[in-house]
Amino acid sequence: MNKINACAREFRLTVIEDAAHALGATYFGRKVGTLGDMACFSFYPRKTSAPGRGGMFTTQEPELAQRVRILSLHGISRDA
């Protein structure tokens, strides 16, 4: 992840971390799911955490969070 993040910074890319099978794992002392710009977790029954179907998206970036909210509603805002 360190090399991926360094490359992403150099080329101004966004890092989406796939943390589907990594719940609770760490990487150099940091929790998996906090290493990229955003992370995706899966709740499918065969995954580490299986509270049902679906998943979860996490980010520290408010703009990315808002964009994902809109995309999760197929591009429709709540006001529509």
C-alpha atoms as a PDB file:
ATOM      1  CA  MET A   1       0.000   0.000   0.000  1.00  0.00           C
ATOM      2  CA  ASN A   2       2.871   2.374   0.627  1.00  0.00           C
ATOM      3  CA  LYS A   3       4.042   2.007  -2.984  1.00  0.00           C
ATOM      4  CA  ILE A   4       0.495   2.234  -4.332  1.00  0.00           C
ATOM      5  CA  ASN A   5      -0.200   5.419  -2.372  1.00  0.00           C
ATOM      6  CA  ALA A   6       3.123   6.960  -3.462  1.00  0.00           C
ATOM      7  CA  CYS A   7       2.344   6.234  -7.117  1.00  0.00           C
ATOM      8  CA  ALA A   8      -1.198   7.589  -6.718  1.00  0.00           C
ATOM      9  CA  ARG A   9       0.095  10.836  -5.217  1.00  0.00           C
ATOM     10  CA  GLU A  10       2.609  11.240  -8.044  1.00  0.00           C
ATOM     11  CA  PHE A  11      -0.066  10.813 -10.727  1.00  0.00           C
ATOM     12  CA  ARG A  12      -2.917  12.453  -8.750  1.00  0.00           C
ATOM     13  CA  LEU A  13      -4.976   9.240  -8.566  1.00  0.00           C
ATOM     14  CA  THR A  14      -7.552   8.157  -5.997  1.00  0.00           C
ATOM     15  CA  VAL A  15      -6.862   4.900  -4.134  1.00  0.00           C
ATOM     16  CA  ILE A  16      -9.890   2.672  -3.495  1.00  0.00           C
ATOM     17  CA  GLU A  17      -8.928   0.020  -0.962  1.00  0.00           C
ATOM     18  CA  ASP A  18     -10.633  -3.389  -1.221  1.00  0.00           C
ATOM     19  CA  ALA A  19     -10.935  -4.436   2.426  1.00  0.00           C
ATOM     20  CA  ALA A  20     -13.558  -7.157   1.914  1.00  0.00           C
ATOM     21  CA  HIS A  21     -11.506  -9.949   3.533  1.00  0.00           C
ATOM     22  CA  ALA A  22      -9.393  -7.800   5.825  1.00  0.00           C
ATOM     23  CA  LEU A  23     -11.625  -6.742   8.698  1.00  0.00           C
ATOM     24  CA  GLY A  24      -9.424  -6.160  11.744  1.00  0.00           C
ATOM     25  CA  ALA A  25      -6.139  -6.536   9.850  1.00  0.00           C
ATOM     26  CA  THR A  26      -3.313  -4.025  10.133  1.00  0.00           C
ATOM     27  CA  TYR A  27      -0.561  -2.840   7.809  1.00  0.00           C
ATOM     28  CA  PHE A  28       2.479  -1.298   9.494  1.00  0.00           C
ATOM     29  CA  GLY A  29       0.327  -0.470  12.525  1.00  0.00           C
ATOM     30  CA  ARG A  30      -2.551   1.079  10.570  1.00  0.00           C
ATOM     31  CA  LYS A  31      -5.973  -0.548  10.294  1.00  0.00           C
ATOM     32  CA  VAL A  32      -6.873  -1.892   6.875  1.00  0.00           C
ATOM     33  CA  GLY A  33      -9.620   0.318   5.531  1.00  0.00           C
ATOM     34  CA  THR A  34      -7.756   3.504   6.440  1.00  0.00           C
ATOM     35  CA  LEU A  35      -4.854   3.154   4.010  1.00  0.00           C
ATOM     36  CA  GLY A  36      -6.332   4.617   0.829  1.00  0.00           C
ATOM     37  CA  ASP A  37      -8.586   7.548  -0.001  1.00  0.00           C
ATOM     38  CA  MET A  38     -11.582   5.278   0.444  1.00  0.00           C
ATOM     39  CA  ALA A  39     -12.266   1.650   1.321  1.00  0.00           C
ATOM     40  CA  CYS A  40     -14.947  -0.894   0.503  1.00  0.00           C
ATOM     41  CA  PHE A  41     -16.042  -3.706   2.815  1.00  0.00           C
ATOM     42  CA  SER A  42     -18.293  -6.605   1.844  1.00  0.00           C
ATOM     43  CA  PHE A  43     -20.963  -8.162   4.051  1.00  0.00           C
ATOM     44  CA  TYR A  44     -21.515 -11.206   1.843  1.00  0.00           C
ATOM     45  CA  PRO A  45     -21.971 -14.372   3.967  1.00  0.00           C
ATOM     46  CA  ARG A  46     -18.547 -15.808   3.037  1.00  0.00           C
ATOM     47  CA  LYS A  47     -16.681 -12.675   4.153  1.00  0.00           C
ATOM     48  CA  THR A  48     -15.055 -12.064   7.534  1.00  0.00           C
ATOM     49  CA  SER A  49     -18.019 -10.047   8.818  1.00  0.00           C
ATOM     50  CA  ALA A  50     -21.398 -11.297   7.636  1.00  0.00           C
ATOM     51  CA  PRO A  51     -24.243  -9.216   9.120  1.00  0.00           C
ATOM     52  CA  GLY A  52     -26.201  -9.776   5.902  1.00  0.00           C
ATOM     53  CA  ARG A  53     -25.744  -8.862   2.289  1.00  0.00           C
ATOM     54  CA  GLY A  54     -24.421  -5.579   1.023  1.00  0.00           C
ATOM     55  CA  GLY A  55     -21.377  -3.655   2.032  1.00  0.00           C
ATOM     56  CA  MET A  56     -19.909  -0.485   3.421  1.00  0.00           C
ATOM     57  CA  PHE A  57     -17.874   2.357   1.987  1.00  0.00           C
ATOM     58  CA  THR A  58     -15.613   4.509   4.162  1.00  0.00           C
ATOM     59  CA  THR A  59     -13.662   7.698   3.528  1.00  0.00           C
ATOM     60  CA  GLN A  60     -12.315  10.740   5.331  1.00  0.00           C
ATOM     61  CA  GLU A  61     -13.091  12.920   2.280  1.00  0.00           C
ATOM     62  CA  PRO A  62     -16.513  14.657   2.414  1.00  0.00           C
ATOM     63  CA  GLU A  63     -16.594  15.213  -1.375  1.00  0.00           C
ATOM     64  CA  LEU A  64     -15.998  11.519  -2.086  1.00  0.00           C
ATOM     65  CA  ALA A  65     -18.634  10.528   0.469  1.00  0.00           C
ATOM     66  CA  GLN A  66     -21.220  12.785  -1.185  1.00  0.00           C
ATOM     67  CA  ARG A  67     -20.361  11.439  -4.648  1.00  0.00           C
ATOM     68  CA  VAL A  68     -20.776   7.835  -3.456  1.00  0.00           C
ATOM     69  CA  ARG A  69     -24.127   8.683  -1.817  1.00  0.00           C
ATOM     70  CA  ILE A  70     -25.393   9.992  -5.140  1.00  0.00           C
ATOM     71  CA  LEU A  71     -24.008   7.008  -7.070  1.00  0.00           C
ATOM     72  CA  SER A  72     -25.597   4.590  -4.599  1.00  0.00           C
ATOM     73  CA  LEU A  73     -28.980   6.107  -5.517  1.00  0.00           C
ATOM     74  CA  HIS A  74     -28.272   5.671  -9.260  1.00  0.00           C
ATOM     75  CA  GLY A  75     -27.432   9.361  -9.631  1.00  0.00           C
ATOM     76  CA  ILE A  76     -30.579  10.685  -7.982  1.00  0.00           C
ATOM     77  CA  SER A  77     -30.216  13.086  -5.102  1.00  0.00           C
ATOM     78  CA  ARG A  78     -32.416  12.706  -2.027  1.00  0.00           C
ATOM     79  CA  ASP A  79     -34.175  15.923  -2.990  1.00  0.00           C
ATOM     80  CA  ALA A  80     -35.409  14.367  -6.233  1.00  0.00           C
END
